[in-house]
């Protein structure tokens, strides 16, 4: 099905660009990222380069339009999001012969594959704080990011590990024995830690419009400067959850001896741009991240996503890094929360 959709897109692409955008295709390169879209980097006949997303037939197009509206709103608040092209009818999303398309400027930079440096942590924190400050006035999207980690019965989370293991066996996963041990550890962690972790959460956490997937794979960078924020989901989510996911990035936590300093630097920079976030939410962001990771089984198996080989390898690595992140947050949560509670705007540029 995916191959058929890609072939259909290859066939329609010149017509879409010419008829609906008034530009002519010179060449197209598939970019193997994304699950709801087929992505192409396009060179036009006048040598300009653009980025084109073809939505899969399974995609929620109303949600896609809502997400692009939030992306455009954030661009006006000086967040480096890609400028979306309007078609000849003034629409952001183009439909042609049962296909749907979005065209944007190409953005500079590359996806980061390494842990955060201190300057990059600062830059990410400033951007996320600015984005949250701007989106605090944006009407909350109808789609709400799930919070199973906060409300789901523990038995439901424990039971979810069984079909994952069954799927791995069905796929003849070469890591089956290791995965069995990892999921046994996850069930033990859920039983042992979730009740106490939940009991110390604030009763109220700030909920607002957010990116809802503000992670390393949706940020482009040049050296230590973030040059593009991509692929908004455009959901209502908890600010502490989005802040914690950025601060405790598993690539950094699992691979950098300075991960705690990077996290506090990012959070401090965030507060410079968004001092409105209550300190209860700031202090809770590590705990929220830990609970979220405990309830997430994403990456335990990979074959069902139909990813290109490099992306599948990266997802396996992501799963392994999340296991390390869970252990380190569990071991050091008290000290981390004390450090978060001590941060004040103006004290964010610590080493």
C-alpha atoms as a PDB file:
ATOM      1  CA  UNK A   1       0.000   0.000   0.000  1.00  0.00           C
ATOM      2  CA  UNK A   2       2.787   2.444   0.892  1.00  0.00           C
ATOM      3  CA  UNK A   3       4.608   1.685  -2.361  1.00  0.00           C
ATOM      4  CA  UNK A   4       1.371   2.248  -4.313  1.00  0.00           C
ATOM      5  CA  UNK A   5       0.778   5.611  -2.626  1.00  0.00           C
ATOM      6  CA  UNK A   6       4.359   6.679  -3.339  1.00  0.00           C
ATOM      7  CA  UNK A   7       4.074   5.666  -6.993  1.00  0.00           C
ATOM      8  CA  UNK A   8       0.754   7.494  -7.292  1.00  0.00           C
ATOM      9  CA  UNK A   9       2.367  10.586  -5.788  1.00  0.00           C
ATOM     10  CA  UNK A  10       5.311  10.418  -8.182  1.00  0.00           C
ATOM     11  CA  UNK A  11       2.828  10.381 -11.036  1.00  0.00           C
ATOM     12  CA  UNK A  12       0.733  13.302  -9.769  1.00  0.00           C
ATOM     13  CA  UNK A  13       3.488  15.534  -8.387  1.00  0.00           C
ATOM     14  CA  UNK A  14       4.319  17.502 -11.574  1.00  0.00           C
ATOM     15  CA  UNK A  15       0.611  18.201 -12.153  1.00  0.00           C
ATOM     16  CA  UNK A  16       0.054  19.289  -8.527  1.00  0.00           C
ATOM     17  CA  UNK A  17       2.963  21.731  -8.619  1.00  0.00           C
ATOM     18  CA  UNK A  18       2.137  23.126 -12.059  1.00  0.00           C
ATOM     19  CA  UNK A  19      -1.645  23.368 -11.829  1.00  0.00           C
ATOM     20  CA  UNK A  20      -2.044  24.351  -8.184  1.00  0.00           C
ATOM     21  CA  UNK A  21       1.150  26.263  -7.389  1.00  0.00           C
ATOM     22  CA  UNK A  22       2.317  27.576 -10.760  1.00  0.00           C
ATOM     23  CA  UNK A  23       5.811  26.075 -10.572  1.00  0.00           C
ATOM     24  CA  UNK A  24       7.527  23.347 -12.596  1.00  0.00           C
ATOM     25  CA  UNK A  25       9.295  20.276 -11.264  1.00  0.00           C
ATOM     26  CA  UNK A  26      12.919  19.630 -12.197  1.00  0.00           C
ATOM     27  CA  UNK A  27      13.740  16.758  -9.804  1.00  0.00           C
ATOM     28  CA  UNK A  28      12.389  15.058  -6.683  1.00  0.00           C
ATOM     29  CA  UNK A  29      14.159  13.175  -3.903  1.00  0.00           C
ATOM     30  CA  UNK A  30      12.293  10.989  -1.402  1.00  0.00           C
ATOM     31  CA  UNK A  31      13.117  11.817   2.213  1.00  0.00           C
ATOM     32  CA  UNK A  32      12.612   8.662   4.334  1.00  0.00           C
ATOM     33  CA  UNK A  33      10.989  10.218   7.407  1.00  0.00           C
ATOM     34  CA  UNK A  34       7.412  10.507   8.619  1.00  0.00           C
ATOM     35  CA  UNK A  35       4.613   8.014   9.189  1.00  0.00           C
ATOM     36  CA  UNK A  36       1.564   9.953   7.984  1.00  0.00           C
ATOM     37  CA  UNK A  37       3.275  11.598   5.025  1.00  0.00           C
ATOM     38  CA  UNK A  38       5.461  10.754   2.041  1.00  0.00           C
ATOM     39  CA  UNK A  39       8.109  13.470   1.986  1.00  0.00           C
ATOM     40  CA  UNK A  40      10.032  14.798  -0.992  1.00  0.00           C
ATOM     41  CA  UNK A  41      12.733  17.409  -1.391  1.00  0.00           C
ATOM     42  CA  UNK A  42      11.999  19.162  -4.667  1.00  0.00           C
ATOM     43  CA  UNK A  43      14.180  21.150  -7.041  1.00  0.00           C
ATOM     44  CA  UNK A  44      12.130  23.433  -9.291  1.00  0.00           C
ATOM     45  CA  UNK A  45      12.914  24.425 -12.859  1.00  0.00           C
ATOM     46  CA  UNK A  46      14.139  27.815 -11.597  1.00  0.00           C
ATOM     47  CA  UNK A  47      16.579  26.027  -9.179  1.00  0.00           C
ATOM     48  CA  UNK A  48      14.606  26.858  -6.038  1.00  0.00           C
ATOM     49  CA  UNK A  49      14.247  24.014  -3.534  1.00  0.00           C
ATOM     50  CA  UNK A  50      11.062  23.261  -1.641  1.00  0.00           C
ATOM     51  CA  UNK A  51       9.683  20.524   0.589  1.00  0.00           C
ATOM     52  CA  UNK A  52       6.512  18.648  -0.340  1.00  0.00           C
ATOM     53  CA  UNK A  53       4.412  16.431   1.913  1.00  0.00           C
ATOM     54  CA  UNK A  54       1.984  13.949   0.389  1.00  0.00           C
ATOM     55  CA  UNK A  55      -0.469  12.758   3.039  1.00  0.00           C
ATOM     56  CA  UNK A  56      -1.231   9.060   3.217  1.00  0.00           C
ATOM     57  CA  UNK A  57      -4.859   8.021   2.746  1.00  0.00           C
ATOM     58  CA  UNK A  58      -4.984   7.062   6.443  1.00  0.00           C
ATOM     59  CA  UNK A  59      -4.013  10.579   7.617  1.00  0.00           C
ATOM     60  CA  UNK A  60      -6.449  12.806   9.491  1.00  0.00           C
ATOM     61  CA  UNK A  61      -6.534  15.826   7.185  1.00  0.00           C
ATOM     62  CA  UNK A  62      -8.568  18.008   9.538  1.00  0.00           C
ATOM     63  CA  UNK A  63      -5.940  17.445  12.213  1.00  0.00           C
ATOM     64  CA  UNK A  64      -3.204  18.169   9.668  1.00  0.00           C
ATOM     65  CA  UNK A  65      -4.810  21.527   8.823  1.00  0.00           C
ATOM     66  CA  UNK A  66      -5.092  22.369  12.529  1.00  0.00           C
ATOM     67  CA  UNK A  67      -1.424  21.506  13.068  1.00  0.00           C
ATOM     68  CA  UNK A  68      -0.292  23.678  10.140  1.00  0.00           C
ATOM     69  CA  UNK A  69      -2.355  26.580  11.469  1.00  0.00           C
ATOM     70  CA  UNK A  70      -0.481  26.336  14.773  1.00  0.00           C
ATOM     71  CA  UNK A  71       2.841  26.119  12.939  1.00  0.00           C
ATOM     72  CA  UNK A  72       2.017  29.315  11.027  1.00  0.00           C
ATOM     73  CA  UNK A  73       0.946  31.050  14.263  1.00  0.00           C
ATOM     74  CA  UNK A  74       4.275  30.132  15.858  1.00  0.00           C
ATOM     75  CA  UNK A  75       6.172  31.487  12.842  1.00  0.00           C
ATOM     76  CA  UNK A  76       4.657  34.918  13.552  1.00  0.00           C
ATOM     77  CA  UNK A  77       6.067  34.587  17.095  1.00  0.00           C
ATOM     78  CA  UNK A  78       9.591  34.187  15.649  1.00  0.00           C
ATOM     79  CA  UNK A  79       9.767  30.404  15.942  1.00  0.00           C
ATOM     80  CA  UNK A  80      11.667  29.032  12.892  1.00  0.00           C
ATOM     81  CA  UNK A  81       8.882  26.985  11.349  1.00  0.00           C
ATOM     82  CA  UNK A  82       8.734  26.374   7.585  1.00  0.00           C
ATOM     83  CA  UNK A  83       6.645  28.841   5.573  1.00  0.00           C
ATOM     84  CA  UNK A  84       3.728  26.978   4.059  1.00  0.00           C
ATOM     85  CA  UNK A  85       2.750  27.831   0.485  1.00  0.00           C
ATOM     86  CA  UNK A  86      -0.826  28.745  -0.351  1.00  0.00           C
ATOM     87  CA  UNK A  87      -2.131  27.212  -3.564  1.00  0.00           C
ATOM     88  CA  UNK A  88      -3.894  29.204  -6.278  1.00  0.00           C
ATOM     89  CA  UNK A  89      -7.130  29.037  -4.286  1.00  0.00           C
ATOM     90  CA  UNK A  90      -5.465  30.433  -1.152  1.00  0.00           C
ATOM     91  CA  UNK A  91      -5.594  27.077   0.657  1.00  0.00           C
ATOM     92  CA  UNK A  92      -2.783  25.567   2.719  1.00  0.00           C
ATOM     93  CA  UNK A  93      -3.728  21.958   1.995  1.00  0.00           C
ATOM     94  CA  UNK A  94      -4.236  20.907  -1.629  1.00  0.00           C
ATOM     95  CA  UNK A  95      -6.425  17.989  -2.722  1.00  0.00           C
ATOM     96  CA  UNK A  96      -5.974  16.421  -6.160  1.00  0.00           C
ATOM     97  CA  UNK A  97      -7.477  13.106  -7.330  1.00  0.00           C
ATOM     98  CA  UNK A  98      -7.957  11.707  -3.810  1.00  0.00           C
ATOM     99  CA  UNK A  99      -4.508  12.805  -2.673  1.00  0.00           C
ATOM    100  CA  UNK A 100      -3.596  15.628  -0.273  1.00  0.00           C
ATOM    101  CA  UNK A 101      -0.486  17.816  -0.390  1.00  0.00           C
ATOM    102  CA  UNK A 102       1.322  20.555   1.508  1.00  0.00           C
ATOM    103  CA  UNK A 103       4.207  22.589   0.065  1.00  0.00           C
ATOM    104  CA  UNK A 104       6.675  24.493   2.246  1.00  0.00           C
ATOM    105  CA  UNK A 105       9.985  26.284   1.994  1.00  0.00           C
ATOM    106  CA  UNK A 106      13.038  24.101   2.471  1.00  0.00           C
ATOM    107  CA  UNK A 107      14.552  24.808   5.892  1.00  0.00           C
ATOM    108  CA  UNK A 108      18.280  24.953   6.643  1.00  0.00           C
ATOM    109  CA  UNK A 109      20.034  22.592   9.017  1.00  0.00           C
ATOM    110  CA  UNK A 110      20.120  18.876   9.706  1.00  0.00           C
ATOM    111  CA  UNK A 111      18.661  16.427  12.169  1.00  0.00           C
ATOM    112  CA  UNK A 112      20.880  16.060  15.211  1.00  0.00           C
ATOM    113  CA  UNK A 113      22.214  12.580  15.920  1.00  0.00           C
ATOM    114  CA  UNK A 114      24.287  13.478  18.973  1.00  0.00           C
ATOM    115  CA  UNK A 115      23.534  14.431  22.612  1.00  0.00           C
ATOM    116  CA  UNK A 116      22.746  18.064  23.368  1.00  0.00           C
ATOM    117  CA  UNK A 117      25.621  20.431  23.992  1.00  0.00           C
ATOM    118  CA  UNK A 118      25.196  23.175  26.586  1.00  0.00           C
ATOM    119  CA  UNK A 119      24.638  25.913  23.942  1.00  0.00           C
ATOM    120  CA  UNK A 120      22.119  23.758  22.092  1.00  0.00           C
ATOM    121  CA  UNK A 121      20.247  22.974  25.323  1.00  0.00           C
ATOM    122  CA  UNK A 122      20.016  26.714  25.975  1.00  0.00           C
ATOM    123  CA  UNK A 123      18.791  27.418  22.446  1.00  0.00           C
ATOM    124  CA  UNK A 124      16.152  24.658  22.602  1.00  0.00           C
ATOM    125  CA  UNK A 125      14.926  25.932  25.959  1.00  0.00           C
ATOM    126  CA  UNK A 126      14.613  29.502  24.712  1.00  0.00           C
ATOM    127  CA  UNK A 127      12.665  28.373  21.636  1.00  0.00           C
ATOM    128  CA  UNK A 128      10.318  26.103  23.548  1.00  0.00           C
ATOM    129  CA  UNK A 129       9.676  28.808  26.161  1.00  0.00           C
ATOM    130  CA  UNK A 130       8.917  31.364  23.464  1.00  0.00           C
ATOM    131  CA  UNK A 131       6.596  28.914  21.735  1.00  0.00           C
ATOM    132  CA  UNK A 132       4.686  28.073  24.921  1.00  0.00           C
ATOM    133  CA  UNK A 133       4.412  31.759  25.846  1.00  0.00           C
ATOM    134  CA  UNK A 134       2.887  32.534  22.435  1.00  0.00           C
ATOM    135  CA  UNK A 135       0.586  29.489  22.393  1.00  0.00           C
ATOM    136  CA  UNK A 136      -0.820  30.280  25.842  1.00  0.00           C
ATOM    137  CA  UNK A 137      -3.244  32.632  24.043  1.00  0.00           C
ATOM    138  CA  UNK A 138      -4.045  30.207  21.215  1.00  0.00           C
ATOM    139  CA  UNK A 139      -7.440  28.443  21.331  1.00  0.00           C
ATOM    140  CA  UNK A 140      -6.797  24.942  22.731  1.00  0.00           C
ATOM    141  CA  UNK A 141      -7.039  22.372  19.900  1.00  0.00           C
ATOM    142  CA  UNK A 142      -9.862  19.855  20.013  1.00  0.00           C
ATOM    143  CA  UNK A 143      -7.423  16.946  19.993  1.00  0.00           C
ATOM    144  CA  UNK A 144      -6.011  16.391  23.469  1.00  0.00           C
ATOM    145  CA  UNK A 145      -2.724  14.580  24.040  1.00  0.00           C
ATOM    146  CA  UNK A 146      -3.316  11.369  25.990  1.00  0.00           C
ATOM    147  CA  UNK A 147      -2.211  11.226  29.639  1.00  0.00           C
ATOM    148  CA  UNK A 148      -2.384   7.484  30.297  1.00  0.00           C
ATOM    149  CA  UNK A 149       0.702   7.916  32.459  1.00  0.00           C
ATOM    150  CA  UNK A 150      -1.395  10.053  34.818  1.00  0.00           C
ATOM    151  CA  UNK A 151      -4.794   8.348  34.828  1.00  0.00           C
ATOM    152  CA  UNK A 152      -4.758   4.860  33.292  1.00  0.00           C
ATOM    153  CA  UNK A 153      -5.295   1.870  35.613  1.00  0.00           C
ATOM    154  CA  UNK A 154      -2.009   0.152  36.374  1.00  0.00           C
ATOM    155  CA  UNK A 155      -3.404  -3.207  35.261  1.00  0.00           C
ATOM    156  CA  UNK A 156      -3.986  -1.757  31.777  1.00  0.00           C
ATOM    157  CA  UNK A 157      -0.343  -0.730  31.481  1.00  0.00           C
ATOM    158  CA  UNK A 158       0.863  -4.098  32.741  1.00  0.00           C
ATOM    159  CA  UNK A 159      -1.355  -5.965  30.273  1.00  0.00           C
ATOM    160  CA  UNK A 160      -0.088  -3.859  27.347  1.00  0.00           C
ATOM    161  CA  UNK A 161       3.324  -5.558  27.521  1.00  0.00           C
ATOM    162  CA  UNK A 162       1.906  -8.967  26.545  1.00  0.00           C
ATOM    163  CA  UNK A 163       0.760  -8.155  22.967  1.00  0.00           C
ATOM    164  CA  UNK A 164       4.088  -6.385  22.382  1.00  0.00           C
ATOM    165  CA  UNK A 165       5.956  -9.546  23.293  1.00  0.00           C
ATOM    166  CA  UNK A 166       3.601 -11.642  21.154  1.00  0.00           C
ATOM    167  CA  UNK A 167       4.180  -9.309  18.188  1.00  0.00           C
ATOM    168  CA  UNK A 168       7.944  -9.551  18.627  1.00  0.00           C
ATOM    169  CA  UNK A 169       7.708 -13.342  18.559  1.00  0.00           C
ATOM    170  CA  UNK A 170       5.499 -13.219  15.458  1.00  0.00           C
ATOM    171  CA  UNK A 171       8.030 -10.958  13.742  1.00  0.00           C
ATOM    172  CA  UNK A 172      10.891 -13.323  14.704  1.00  0.00           C
ATOM    173  CA  UNK A 173      12.561 -10.414  16.431  1.00  0.00           C
ATOM    174  CA  UNK A 174      16.245 -11.308  16.958  1.00  0.00           C
ATOM    175  CA  UNK A 175      16.111  -9.409  20.266  1.00  0.00           C
ATOM    176  CA  UNK A 176      13.225 -11.480  21.612  1.00  0.00           C
ATOM    177  CA  UNK A 177      15.067 -12.806  24.670  1.00  0.00           C
ATOM    178  CA  UNK A 178      16.434  -9.369  25.562  1.00  0.00           C
ATOM    179  CA  UNK A 179      13.034  -7.765  25.015  1.00  0.00           C
ATOM    180  CA  UNK A 180      11.398 -10.322  27.286  1.00  0.00           C
ATOM    181  CA  UNK A 181      13.763  -9.242  30.064  1.00  0.00           C
ATOM    182  CA  UNK A 182      13.204  -5.538  29.365  1.00  0.00           C
ATOM    183  CA  UNK A 183       9.430  -5.907  29.521  1.00  0.00           C
ATOM    184  CA  UNK A 184       9.667  -7.898  32.756  1.00  0.00           C
ATOM    185  CA  UNK A 185      11.697  -5.012  34.196  1.00  0.00           C
ATOM    186  CA  UNK A 186       9.088  -2.564  32.908  1.00  0.00           C
ATOM    187  CA  UNK A 187       6.266  -4.443  34.651  1.00  0.00           C
ATOM    188  CA  UNK A 188       8.275  -4.449  37.876  1.00  0.00           C
ATOM    189  CA  UNK A 189       8.938  -0.701  37.576  1.00  0.00           C
ATOM    190  CA  UNK A 190       5.255   0.005  36.925  1.00  0.00           C
ATOM    191  CA  UNK A 191       4.162  -1.917  40.017  1.00  0.00           C
ATOM    192  CA  UNK A 192       6.924  -0.545  42.238  1.00  0.00           C
ATOM    193  CA  UNK A 193       7.137   3.113  41.291  1.00  0.00           C
ATOM    194  CA  UNK A 194       3.996   4.419  39.585  1.00  0.00           C
ATOM    195  CA  UNK A 195       1.779   4.837  42.674  1.00  0.00           C
ATOM    196  CA  UNK A 196       4.363   6.949  44.525  1.00  0.00           C
ATOM    197  CA  UNK A 197       5.320   8.914  41.406  1.00  0.00           C
ATOM    198  CA  UNK A 198       1.696   9.796  40.746  1.00  0.00           C
ATOM    199  CA  UNK A 199       0.985  10.694  44.363  1.00  0.00           C
ATOM    200  CA  UNK A 200       3.495  13.581  44.273  1.00  0.00           C
ATOM    201  CA  UNK A 201       2.204  15.168  41.059  1.00  0.00           C
ATOM    202  CA  UNK A 202       0.523  18.587  41.384  1.00  0.00           C
ATOM    203  CA  UNK A 203      -3.272  18.402  41.297  1.00  0.00           C
ATOM    204  CA  UNK A 204      -3.327  20.910  38.435  1.00  0.00           C
ATOM    205  CA  UNK A 205      -0.843  21.150  35.580  1.00  0.00           C
ATOM    206  CA  UNK A 206      -0.950  23.839  32.882  1.00  0.00           C
ATOM    207  CA  UNK A 207      -2.686  22.562  29.731  1.00  0.00           C
ATOM    208  CA  UNK A 208      -2.508  24.526  26.467  1.00  0.00           C
ATOM    209  CA  UNK A 209      -1.910  24.309  22.730  1.00  0.00           C
ATOM    210  CA  UNK A 210       1.486  22.802  22.028  1.00  0.00           C
ATOM    211  CA  UNK A 211       3.683  21.258  19.392  1.00  0.00           C
ATOM    212  CA  UNK A 212       2.982  17.847  21.002  1.00  0.00           C
ATOM    213  CA  UNK A 213       6.083  16.217  19.469  1.00  0.00           C
ATOM    214  CA  UNK A 214       8.849  18.697  20.270  1.00  0.00           C
ATOM    215  CA  UNK A 215      11.694  16.159  20.132  1.00  0.00           C
ATOM    216  CA  UNK A 216      15.103  15.795  18.538  1.00  0.00           C
ATOM    217  CA  UNK A 217      13.716  14.238  15.346  1.00  0.00           C
ATOM    218  CA  UNK A 218      11.575  17.329  14.650  1.00  0.00           C
ATOM    219  CA  UNK A 219      14.343  19.896  15.122  1.00  0.00           C
ATOM    220  CA  UNK A 220      16.912  20.933  12.526  1.00  0.00           C
ATOM    221  CA  UNK A 221      20.152  22.526  13.664  1.00  0.00           C
ATOM    222  CA  UNK A 222      23.272  24.222  12.365  1.00  0.00           C
ATOM    223  CA  UNK A 223      26.027  23.766  14.915  1.00  0.00           C
ATOM    224  CA  UNK A 224      24.254  24.646  18.186  1.00  0.00           C
ATOM    225  CA  UNK A 225      21.458  26.794  16.773  1.00  0.00           C
ATOM    226  CA  UNK A 226      18.016  25.337  16.077  1.00  0.00           C
ATOM    227  CA  UNK A 227      17.128  26.413  12.549  1.00  0.00           C
ATOM    228  CA  UNK A 228      13.743  24.716  12.130  1.00  0.00           C
ATOM    229  CA  UNK A 229      10.904  23.294  14.222  1.00  0.00           C
ATOM    230  CA  UNK A 230       9.022  20.752  12.103  1.00  0.00           C
ATOM    231  CA  UNK A 231       5.949  18.519  12.093  1.00  0.00           C
ATOM    232  CA  UNK A 232       3.632  20.035  14.656  1.00  0.00           C
ATOM    233  CA  UNK A 233       0.951  17.646  15.884  1.00  0.00           C
ATOM    234  CA  UNK A 234      -1.045  20.618  17.090  1.00  0.00           C
ATOM    235  CA  UNK A 235      -2.683  19.162  20.178  1.00  0.00           C
ATOM    236  CA  UNK A 236      -3.690  20.407  23.596  1.00  0.00           C
ATOM    237  CA  UNK A 237      -1.050  19.066  25.963  1.00  0.00           C
ATOM    238  CA  UNK A 238       0.575  19.657  29.326  1.00  0.00           C
ATOM    239  CA  UNK A 239       3.397  22.211  29.247  1.00  0.00           C
ATOM    240  CA  UNK A 240       5.354  20.236  31.867  1.00  0.00           C
ATOM    241  CA  UNK A 241       5.172  17.114  29.685  1.00  0.00           C
ATOM    242  CA  UNK A 242       6.509  18.943  26.622  1.00  0.00           C
ATOM    243  CA  UNK A 243       9.213  20.680  28.665  1.00  0.00           C
ATOM    244  CA  UNK A 244      10.318  17.432  30.331  1.00  0.00           C
ATOM    245  CA  UNK A 245      10.550  15.531  27.050  1.00  0.00           C
ATOM    246  CA  UNK A 246      12.871  18.209  25.674  1.00  0.00           C
ATOM    247  CA  UNK A 247      14.991  18.564  28.812  1.00  0.00           C
ATOM    248  CA  UNK A 248      15.400  14.824  29.404  1.00  0.00           C
ATOM    249  CA  UNK A 249      16.005  13.831  25.792  1.00  0.00           C
ATOM    250  CA  UNK A 250      16.952  10.113  25.895  1.00  0.00           C
ATOM    251  CA  UNK A 251      19.807  10.581  23.397  1.00  0.00           C
ATOM    252  CA  UNK A 252      21.385  13.007  25.876  1.00  0.00           C
ATOM    253  CA  UNK A 253      20.496  11.243  29.129  1.00  0.00           C
ATOM    254  CA  UNK A 254      21.793   7.897  27.885  1.00  0.00           C
ATOM    255  CA  UNK A 255      24.995   9.148  26.263  1.00  0.00           C
ATOM    256  CA  UNK A 256      26.215  12.322  27.983  1.00  0.00           C
ATOM    257  CA  UNK A 257      27.823  12.472  31.431  1.00  0.00           C
ATOM    258  CA  UNK A 258      26.530  16.067  31.634  1.00  0.00           C
ATOM    259  CA  UNK A 259      22.856  15.241  31.027  1.00  0.00           C
ATOM    260  CA  UNK A 260      21.696  16.732  34.360  1.00  0.00           C
ATOM    261  CA  UNK A 261      23.438  20.035  33.634  1.00  0.00           C
ATOM    262  CA  UNK A 262      21.978  20.065  30.119  1.00  0.00           C
ATOM    263  CA  UNK A 263      18.482  19.541  31.515  1.00  0.00           C
ATOM    264  CA  UNK A 264      18.721  22.353  34.065  1.00  0.00           C
ATOM    265  CA  UNK A 265      20.247  24.680  31.480  1.00  0.00           C
ATOM    266  CA  UNK A 266      17.389  23.988  29.074  1.00  0.00           C
ATOM    267  CA  UNK A 267      14.738  24.509  31.753  1.00  0.00           C
ATOM    268  CA  UNK A 268      16.360  27.716  32.967  1.00  0.00           C
ATOM    269  CA  UNK A 269      16.478  29.120  29.443  1.00  0.00           C
ATOM    270  CA  UNK A 270      12.843  28.105  28.969  1.00  0.00           C
ATOM    271  CA  UNK A 271      11.846  30.186  32.006  1.00  0.00           C
ATOM    272  CA  UNK A 272      13.532  33.265  30.575  1.00  0.00           C
ATOM    273  CA  UNK A 273      11.040  33.163  27.685  1.00  0.00           C
ATOM    274  CA  UNK A 274       8.086  31.711  29.588  1.00  0.00           C
ATOM    275  CA  UNK A 275       8.231  32.849  33.226  1.00  0.00           C
ATOM    276  CA  UNK A 276       4.461  32.247  33.534  1.00  0.00           C
ATOM    277  CA  UNK A 277       4.800  28.481  33.942  1.00  0.00           C
ATOM    278  CA  UNK A 278       4.170  27.739  37.655  1.00  0.00           C
ATOM    279  CA  UNK A 279       7.132  26.379  39.571  1.00  0.00           C
ATOM    280  CA  UNK A 280       5.107  23.329  40.571  1.00  0.00           C
ATOM    281  CA  UNK A 281       4.947  22.446  36.852  1.00  0.00           C
ATOM    282  CA  UNK A 282       8.662  23.159  36.375  1.00  0.00           C
ATOM    283  CA  UNK A 283       9.625  20.914  39.279  1.00  0.00           C
ATOM    284  CA  UNK A 284       7.253  18.184  38.077  1.00  0.00           C
ATOM    285  CA  UNK A 285       8.589  17.982  34.513  1.00  0.00           C
ATOM    286  CA  UNK A 286      11.142  15.238  35.300  1.00  0.00           C
ATOM    287  CA  UNK A 287       8.548  13.164  37.169  1.00  0.00           C
ATOM    288  CA  UNK A 288       6.058  13.610  34.325  1.00  0.00           C
ATOM    289  CA  UNK A 289       8.708  12.490  31.810  1.00  0.00           C
ATOM    290  CA  UNK A 290       9.528   9.416  33.866  1.00  0.00           C
ATOM    291  CA  UNK A 291       5.884   8.413  34.128  1.00  0.00           C
ATOM    292  CA  UNK A 292       5.404   8.991  30.406  1.00  0.00           C
ATOM    293  CA  UNK A 293       8.384   6.759  29.580  1.00  0.00           C
ATOM    294  CA  UNK A 294       7.172   4.020  31.920  1.00  0.00           C
ATOM    295  CA  UNK A 295       3.808   3.904  30.147  1.00  0.00           C
ATOM    296  CA  UNK A 296       5.244   4.072  26.615  1.00  0.00           C
ATOM    297  CA  UNK A 297       6.215   0.931  24.683  1.00  0.00           C
ATOM    298  CA  UNK A 298       7.014   2.783  21.447  1.00  0.00           C
ATOM    299  CA  UNK A 299      10.058   1.258  19.765  1.00  0.00           C
ATOM    300  CA  UNK A 300       9.908  -2.098  21.535  1.00  0.00           C
ATOM    301  CA  UNK A 301       9.109  -3.574  18.118  1.00  0.00           C
ATOM    302  CA  UNK A 302       9.726  -1.876  14.791  1.00  0.00           C
ATOM    303  CA  UNK A 303       8.748  -4.050  11.812  1.00  0.00           C
ATOM    304  CA  UNK A 304       5.082  -2.986  11.894  1.00  0.00           C
ATOM    305  CA  UNK A 305       5.945   0.622  11.012  1.00  0.00           C
ATOM    306  CA  UNK A 306       7.402  -0.221   7.600  1.00  0.00           C
ATOM    307  CA  UNK A 307      10.339   2.121   8.155  1.00  0.00           C
ATOM    308  CA  UNK A 308      13.404   2.400   5.920  1.00  0.00           C
ATOM    309  CA  UNK A 309      16.403   0.548   7.366  1.00  0.00           C
ATOM    310  CA  UNK A 310      18.174   3.668   8.789  1.00  0.00           C
ATOM    311  CA  UNK A 311      14.982   4.849  10.516  1.00  0.00           C
ATOM    312  CA  UNK A 312      14.323   1.392  11.917  1.00  0.00           C
ATOM    313  CA  UNK A 313      17.856   1.256  13.325  1.00  0.00           C
ATOM    314  CA  UNK A 314      17.372   4.686  14.901  1.00  0.00           C
ATOM    315  CA  UNK A 315      14.085   3.572  16.493  1.00  0.00           C
ATOM    316  CA  UNK A 316      15.768   0.512  18.013  1.00  0.00           C
ATOM    317  CA  UNK A 317      18.452   2.795  19.429  1.00  0.00           C
ATOM    318  CA  UNK A 318      15.756   5.129  20.755  1.00  0.00           C
ATOM    319  CA  UNK A 319      14.116   2.244  22.619  1.00  0.00           C
ATOM    320  CA  UNK A 320      17.445   1.284  24.208  1.00  0.00           C
ATOM    321  CA  UNK A 321      18.154   4.893  25.204  1.00  0.00           C
ATOM    322  CA  UNK A 322      14.736   5.175  26.803  1.00  0.00           C
ATOM    323  CA  UNK A 323      15.505   2.157  28.997  1.00  0.00           C
ATOM    324  CA  UNK A 324      18.666   3.866  30.235  1.00  0.00           C
ATOM    325  CA  UNK A 325      16.776   7.128  30.768  1.00  0.00           C
ATOM    326  CA  UNK A 326      14.151   5.409  32.935  1.00  0.00           C
ATOM    327  CA  UNK A 327      16.838   3.925  35.178  1.00  0.00           C
ATOM    328  CA  UNK A 328      18.727   7.202  35.563  1.00  0.00           C
ATOM    329  CA  UNK A 329      15.615   9.240  36.306  1.00  0.00           C
ATOM    330  CA  UNK A 330      14.458   6.668  38.849  1.00  0.00           C
ATOM    331  CA  UNK A 331      17.858   6.668  40.555  1.00  0.00           C
ATOM    332  CA  UNK A 332      18.278  10.457  40.695  1.00  0.00           C
ATOM    333  CA  UNK A 333      14.771  11.904  40.726  1.00  0.00           C
ATOM    334  CA  UNK A 334      15.014  13.543  44.158  1.00  0.00           C
ATOM    335  CA  UNK A 335      18.231  15.377  43.265  1.00  0.00           C
ATOM    336  CA  UNK A 336      16.865  16.369  39.840  1.00  0.00           C
ATOM    337  CA  UNK A 337      13.676  17.807  41.311  1.00  0.00           C
ATOM    338  CA  UNK A 338      15.694  19.765  43.893  1.00  0.00           C
ATOM    339  CA  UNK A 339      17.820  21.230  41.080  1.00  0.00           C
ATOM    340  CA  UNK A 340      14.707  22.133  39.064  1.00  0.00           C
ATOM    341  CA  UNK A 341      13.112  23.787  42.083  1.00  0.00           C
ATOM    342  CA  UNK A 342      16.221  25.957  42.543  1.00  0.00           C
ATOM    343  CA  UNK A 343      16.148  27.413  39.013  1.00  0.00           C
ATOM    344  CA  UNK A 344      15.040  31.029  38.717  1.00  0.00           C
ATOM    345  CA  UNK A 345      14.958  33.263  35.611  1.00  0.00           C
ATOM    346  CA  UNK A 346      18.338  34.906  35.215  1.00  0.00           C
ATOM    347  CA  UNK A 347      20.179  31.903  36.664  1.00  0.00           C
ATOM    348  CA  UNK A 348      19.868  29.692  33.603  1.00  0.00           C
ATOM    349  CA  UNK A 349      23.393  30.016  32.216  1.00  0.00           C
ATOM    350  CA  UNK A 350      24.991  27.699  34.707  1.00  0.00           C
ATOM    351  CA  UNK A 351      27.634  25.251  33.359  1.00  0.00           C
END
